Amino acid sequence: MQQTITIPTRTIDEILTRLDKLTKEVKAIRAKLFDQEPRYGSDEWWEWSDEKAMEDIKDGRYTTVHNKKELKQFLDSLKTK
């Protein structure tokens, strides 16, 4: 026996929207739990990258460069390490 159920388009759209939101939330949770880098260039990657950068700044893990000479010195110092 075959049955057909009619579902309004609006209901289908709501279901798909909720599934999309849940998928994004699960990906974000998995990335945090397993500290995995999201796929490069994705929206999740940009959010992850921004969070990591802000952590580095708060913890003082950055270098300030004021001009080209300082930049060259900094880059040259990386070559010798």
Protein backbone atom coordinates (compact mmCIF):
# COMPACT_ATOMS: atom_id res chain seq x y z
CA MET A 1 0.00 0.00 0.00
CA GLN A 2 1.38 3.39 -1.02
CA GLN A 3 0.60 6.61 0.84
CA THR A 4 1.21 10.18 -0.19
CA ILE A 5 1.67 13.00 2.28
CA THR A 6 1.41 16.60 1.19
CA ILE A 7 3.66 19.04 3.01
CA PRO A 8 3.49 22.77 2.41
CA THR A 9 6.53 24.36 0.73
CA ARG A 10 6.94 26.71 3.68
CA THR A 11 7.32 23.76 6.06
CA ILE A 12 9.95 22.15 3.81
CA ASP A 13 11.85 25.47 3.64
CA GLU A 14 11.79 25.76 7.44
CA ILE A 15 13.08 22.20 7.84
CA LEU A 16 15.91 22.80 5.36
CA THR A 17 16.85 26.08 7.04
CA ARG A 18 17.01 24.40 10.44
CA LEU A 19 19.05 21.51 9.05
CA ASP A 20 21.52 23.96 7.49
CA LYS A 21 21.88 25.81 10.80
CA LEU A 22 22.34 22.55 12.74
CA THR A 23 24.96 21.35 10.24
CA LYS A 24 26.98 24.53 10.73
CA GLU A 25 26.70 24.28 14.52
CA VAL A 26 27.82 20.63 14.52
CA LYS A 27 30.82 21.50 12.33
CA ALA A 28 31.80 24.31 14.70
CA ILE A 29 31.47 22.03 17.74
CA ARG A 30 33.53 19.27 16.10
CA ALA A 31 36.24 21.76 15.17
CA LYS A 32 36.42 23.01 18.77
CA LEU A 33 36.34 19.55 20.34
CA PHE A 34 38.99 18.09 18.09
CA ASP A 35 40.84 21.37 17.42
CA GLN A 36 40.71 20.61 13.72
CA GLU A 37 41.23 23.32 11.19
CA PRO A 38 38.12 23.73 9.03
CA ARG A 39 38.41 23.51 5.25
CA TYR A 40 40.54 26.42 4.05
CA GLY A 41 38.53 29.35 2.71
CA SER A 42 35.20 28.21 4.14
CA ASP A 43 33.15 30.51 6.35
CA GLU A 44 34.01 28.26 9.28
CA TRP A 45 37.74 28.58 8.48
CA TRP A 46 37.57 32.39 8.49
CA GLU A 47 35.79 32.38 11.86
CA TRP A 48 38.31 29.86 13.25
CA SER A 49 41.24 31.85 11.86
CA ASP A 50 39.95 35.13 13.34
CA GLU A 51 39.49 33.48 16.75
CA LYS A 52 43.05 32.10 16.66
CA ALA A 53 44.43 35.52 15.65
CA MET A 54 42.59 37.26 18.49
CA GLU A 55 43.97 34.69 20.97
CA ASP A 56 47.49 35.37 19.68
CA ILE A 57 47.02 39.12 20.05
CA LYS A 58 45.62 38.81 23.59
CA ASP A 59 48.55 36.58 24.58
CA GLY A 60 51.12 38.94 23.04
CA ARG A 61 52.18 36.57 20.26
CA TYR A 62 52.69 39.15 17.55
CA THR A 63 55.33 41.50 16.17
CA THR A 64 54.81 45.16 15.39
CA VAL A 65 56.62 46.49 12.33
CA HIS A 66 56.79 50.24 11.72
CA ASN A 67 58.62 50.46 8.39
CA LYS A 68 60.25 48.48 5.58
CA LYS A 69 63.61 48.35 7.33
CA GLU A 70 62.09 46.72 10.44
CA LEU A 71 60.13 44.34 8.23
CA LYS A 72 63.29 43.27 6.41
CA GLN A 73 65.12 42.76 9.71
CA PHE A 74 62.25 40.69 11.06
CA LEU A 75 62.03 38.50 7.95
CA ASP A 76 65.80 38.07 7.86
CA SER A 77 65.76 36.96 11.49
CA LEU A 78 63.31 34.19 10.57
CA LYS A 79 65.73 32.82 7.96
CA THR A 80 68.45 32.26 10.55
CA LYS A 81 66.21 30.34 12.96
